N, C-alpha and C. Protein backbone atom coordinates (compact mmCIF):
# COMPACT_ATOMS: atom_id res chain seq x y z
N MET A 1 1.85 -27.91 3.67
CA MET A 1 1.20 -27.56 2.43
C MET A 1 2.07 -28.05 1.28
N SER A 2 1.47 -28.56 0.25
CA SER A 2 2.22 -29.13 -0.86
C SER A 2 2.76 -28.03 -1.78
N GLY A 3 3.69 -28.43 -2.65
CA GLY A 3 4.26 -27.49 -3.61
C GLY A 3 3.21 -26.91 -4.53
N ALA A 4 2.20 -27.72 -4.88
CA ALA A 4 1.14 -27.24 -5.76
C ALA A 4 0.35 -26.12 -5.09
N SER A 5 0.11 -26.25 -3.79
CA SER A 5 -0.63 -25.21 -3.08
C SER A 5 0.16 -23.92 -3.05
N MET A 6 1.45 -24.02 -2.83
CA MET A 6 2.27 -22.82 -2.83
C MET A 6 2.24 -22.18 -4.21
N SER A 7 2.28 -22.99 -5.23
CA SER A 7 2.20 -22.49 -6.59
C SER A 7 0.87 -21.78 -6.83
N ASP A 8 -0.20 -22.33 -6.27
CA ASP A 8 -1.51 -21.69 -6.39
C ASP A 8 -1.51 -20.33 -5.71
N GLN A 9 -0.86 -20.24 -4.57
CA GLN A 9 -0.79 -18.96 -3.85
C GLN A 9 0.05 -17.95 -4.62
N GLU A 10 1.13 -18.41 -5.20
CA GLU A 10 1.96 -17.51 -6.01
C GLU A 10 1.17 -17.00 -7.22
N ARG A 11 0.42 -17.90 -7.85
CA ARG A 11 -0.41 -17.49 -8.99
C ARG A 11 -1.46 -16.48 -8.54
N GLU A 12 -2.07 -16.74 -7.40
CA GLU A 12 -3.08 -15.81 -6.89
C GLU A 12 -2.47 -14.44 -6.60
N LEU A 13 -1.26 -14.43 -6.05
CA LEU A 13 -0.59 -13.16 -5.77
C LEU A 13 -0.33 -12.40 -7.07
N HIS A 14 0.10 -13.10 -8.10
CA HIS A 14 0.32 -12.45 -9.40
C HIS A 14 -0.99 -11.91 -9.97
N GLU A 15 -2.06 -12.66 -9.81
CA GLU A 15 -3.37 -12.20 -10.29
C GLU A 15 -3.82 -10.96 -9.53
N VAL A 16 -3.63 -10.97 -8.22
CA VAL A 16 -3.99 -9.81 -7.39
C VAL A 16 -3.16 -8.60 -7.80
N ASN A 17 -1.86 -8.82 -8.02
CA ASN A 17 -1.00 -7.72 -8.45
C ASN A 17 -1.48 -7.14 -9.79
N GLY A 18 -1.87 -8.01 -10.70
CA GLY A 18 -2.38 -7.55 -11.99
C GLY A 18 -3.68 -6.76 -11.84
N CYS A 19 -4.55 -7.23 -10.97
CA CYS A 19 -5.80 -6.51 -10.71
C CYS A 19 -5.51 -5.13 -10.12
N LEU A 20 -4.55 -5.06 -9.22
CA LEU A 20 -4.22 -3.77 -8.62
C LEU A 20 -3.66 -2.80 -9.66
N GLU A 21 -2.86 -3.31 -10.59
CA GLU A 21 -2.35 -2.45 -11.66
C GLU A 21 -3.49 -1.92 -12.51
N LEU A 22 -4.43 -2.79 -12.84
CA LEU A 22 -5.59 -2.38 -13.63
C LEU A 22 -6.43 -1.35 -12.88
N LEU A 23 -6.68 -1.60 -11.61
CA LEU A 23 -7.48 -0.66 -10.82
C LEU A 23 -6.78 0.69 -10.70
N PHE A 24 -5.46 0.69 -10.58
CA PHE A 24 -4.71 1.95 -10.53
C PHE A 24 -4.93 2.74 -11.82
N THR A 25 -4.84 2.05 -12.95
CA THR A 25 -5.04 2.70 -14.24
C THR A 25 -6.45 3.25 -14.36
N LEU A 26 -7.43 2.44 -13.99
CA LEU A 26 -8.83 2.89 -14.05
C LEU A 26 -9.06 4.10 -13.14
N ARG A 27 -8.53 4.02 -11.92
CA ARG A 27 -8.71 5.13 -10.97
C ARG A 27 -8.10 6.41 -11.53
N SER A 28 -6.93 6.29 -12.12
CA SER A 28 -6.27 7.47 -12.70
C SER A 28 -7.09 8.07 -13.84
N GLU A 29 -7.61 7.21 -14.71
CA GLU A 29 -8.40 7.71 -15.83
C GLU A 29 -9.71 8.34 -15.37
N PHE A 30 -10.40 7.68 -14.45
CA PHE A 30 -11.67 8.23 -13.96
C PHE A 30 -11.44 9.52 -13.18
N ALA A 31 -10.34 9.61 -12.45
CA ALA A 31 -10.03 10.85 -11.73
C ALA A 31 -9.81 11.99 -12.71
N GLN A 32 -9.15 11.70 -13.82
CA GLN A 32 -8.94 12.72 -14.85
C GLN A 32 -10.28 13.15 -15.44
N TRP A 33 -11.13 12.18 -15.74
CA TRP A 33 -12.45 12.51 -16.30
C TRP A 33 -13.27 13.31 -15.30
N LEU A 34 -13.14 12.97 -14.03
CA LEU A 34 -13.86 13.72 -13.00
C LEU A 34 -13.41 15.18 -12.99
N GLY A 35 -12.12 15.39 -13.13
CA GLY A 35 -11.59 16.74 -13.18
C GLY A 35 -12.07 17.53 -14.38
N GLU A 36 -12.40 16.83 -15.45
CA GLU A 36 -12.85 17.48 -16.68
C GLU A 36 -14.37 17.61 -16.76
N ALA A 37 -15.08 16.92 -15.88
CA ALA A 37 -16.55 16.91 -15.94
C ALA A 37 -17.11 18.30 -15.62
N ARG A 38 -18.06 18.71 -16.40
CA ARG A 38 -18.70 20.02 -16.21
C ARG A 38 -20.08 19.89 -15.57
N ASP A 39 -20.75 18.82 -15.90
CA ASP A 39 -22.12 18.60 -15.46
C ASP A 39 -22.13 17.99 -14.06
N GLY A 40 -23.00 18.48 -13.20
CA GLY A 40 -23.09 17.98 -11.83
C GLY A 40 -23.44 16.51 -11.74
N SER A 41 -24.35 16.06 -12.59
CA SER A 41 -24.73 14.64 -12.54
C SER A 41 -23.60 13.75 -13.05
N ALA A 42 -22.84 14.25 -14.02
CA ALA A 42 -21.69 13.49 -14.51
C ALA A 42 -20.64 13.38 -13.41
N ARG A 43 -20.42 14.48 -12.70
CA ARG A 43 -19.45 14.46 -11.60
C ARG A 43 -19.87 13.47 -10.52
N GLU A 44 -21.15 13.48 -10.20
CA GLU A 44 -21.65 12.56 -9.17
C GLU A 44 -21.46 11.11 -9.60
N ALA A 45 -21.78 10.82 -10.86
CA ALA A 45 -21.62 9.46 -11.36
C ALA A 45 -20.15 9.04 -11.33
N LEU A 46 -19.27 9.93 -11.75
CA LEU A 46 -17.84 9.61 -11.74
C LEU A 46 -17.31 9.44 -10.31
N GLU A 47 -17.81 10.25 -9.39
CA GLU A 47 -17.41 10.10 -7.98
C GLU A 47 -17.84 8.73 -7.45
N ASN A 48 -19.04 8.30 -7.85
CA ASN A 48 -19.52 6.97 -7.42
C ASN A 48 -18.65 5.86 -8.00
N VAL A 49 -18.30 5.99 -9.27
CA VAL A 49 -17.44 4.99 -9.90
C VAL A 49 -16.07 4.97 -9.22
N LEU A 50 -15.52 6.15 -8.98
CA LEU A 50 -14.22 6.23 -8.31
C LEU A 50 -14.29 5.61 -6.92
N GLY A 51 -15.36 5.86 -6.21
CA GLY A 51 -15.51 5.27 -4.88
C GLY A 51 -15.54 3.75 -4.93
N HIS A 52 -16.20 3.23 -5.94
CA HIS A 52 -16.26 1.77 -6.10
C HIS A 52 -14.88 1.21 -6.45
N ILE A 53 -14.18 1.87 -7.34
CA ILE A 53 -12.83 1.43 -7.71
C ILE A 53 -11.91 1.47 -6.50
N GLU A 54 -12.00 2.51 -5.70
CA GLU A 54 -11.17 2.63 -4.50
C GLU A 54 -11.49 1.53 -3.49
N ALA A 55 -12.77 1.18 -3.37
CA ALA A 55 -13.15 0.09 -2.47
C ALA A 55 -12.58 -1.24 -2.95
N LEU A 56 -12.66 -1.49 -4.25
CA LEU A 56 -12.07 -2.71 -4.81
C LEU A 56 -10.57 -2.74 -4.59
N GLU A 57 -9.94 -1.59 -4.78
CA GLU A 57 -8.50 -1.50 -4.59
C GLU A 57 -8.11 -1.83 -3.14
N ARG A 58 -8.89 -1.32 -2.19
CA ARG A 58 -8.62 -1.63 -0.78
C ARG A 58 -8.75 -3.13 -0.51
N GLU A 59 -9.78 -3.75 -1.08
CA GLU A 59 -9.98 -5.19 -0.90
C GLU A 59 -8.82 -5.99 -1.48
N TYR A 60 -8.38 -5.61 -2.68
CA TYR A 60 -7.27 -6.32 -3.30
C TYR A 60 -5.97 -6.08 -2.55
N ARG A 61 -5.76 -4.88 -2.02
CA ARG A 61 -4.55 -4.62 -1.23
C ARG A 61 -4.55 -5.47 0.05
N THR A 62 -5.71 -5.61 0.66
CA THR A 62 -5.81 -6.45 1.84
C THR A 62 -5.45 -7.89 1.49
N ARG A 63 -5.99 -8.38 0.39
CA ARG A 63 -5.69 -9.75 -0.04
C ARG A 63 -4.21 -9.89 -0.39
N GLN A 64 -3.65 -8.89 -1.05
CA GLN A 64 -2.24 -8.91 -1.40
C GLN A 64 -1.38 -9.02 -0.13
N ASN A 65 -1.70 -8.23 0.87
CA ASN A 65 -0.96 -8.26 2.13
C ASN A 65 -1.09 -9.62 2.81
N GLU A 66 -2.29 -10.19 2.79
CA GLU A 66 -2.50 -11.51 3.38
C GLU A 66 -1.65 -12.56 2.68
N LEU A 67 -1.63 -12.52 1.36
CA LEU A 67 -0.84 -13.49 0.60
C LEU A 67 0.65 -13.31 0.86
N ARG A 68 1.11 -12.07 0.92
CA ARG A 68 2.53 -11.82 1.20
C ARG A 68 2.91 -12.29 2.60
N GLU A 69 2.04 -12.03 3.57
CA GLU A 69 2.31 -12.48 4.94
C GLU A 69 2.36 -14.00 5.00
N HIS A 70 1.44 -14.63 4.30
CA HIS A 70 1.41 -16.10 4.29
C HIS A 70 2.68 -16.65 3.64
N GLN A 71 3.13 -16.03 2.57
CA GLN A 71 4.36 -16.48 1.91
C GLN A 71 5.56 -16.28 2.83
N ALA A 72 5.57 -15.18 3.56
CA ALA A 72 6.70 -14.90 4.45
C ALA A 72 6.77 -15.93 5.58
N THR A 73 5.63 -16.38 6.05
CA THR A 73 5.63 -17.37 7.13
C THR A 73 5.99 -18.75 6.61
N ARG A 74 5.81 -18.98 5.31
CA ARG A 74 6.12 -20.28 4.71
C ARG A 74 7.59 -20.38 4.32
N SER A 75 8.26 -19.24 4.22
CA SER A 75 9.67 -19.24 3.78
C SER A 75 10.61 -19.60 4.89
């Protein structure tokens, strides 16, 4: 693999890391809002949003692990 490809993978890893940081922040904020929600429908909506954020976070963590493993095998 060329140096440019490795650079692309490093960039992708940084992007994935940034996405994970953002998702962590969103999850924290929505979890707080869920704790403050009084209305049942609001709670349900926030639970759905949190579930979606958690699913995205799992996908990005999987990709992060794949990229790290690939980098480790290239080193």
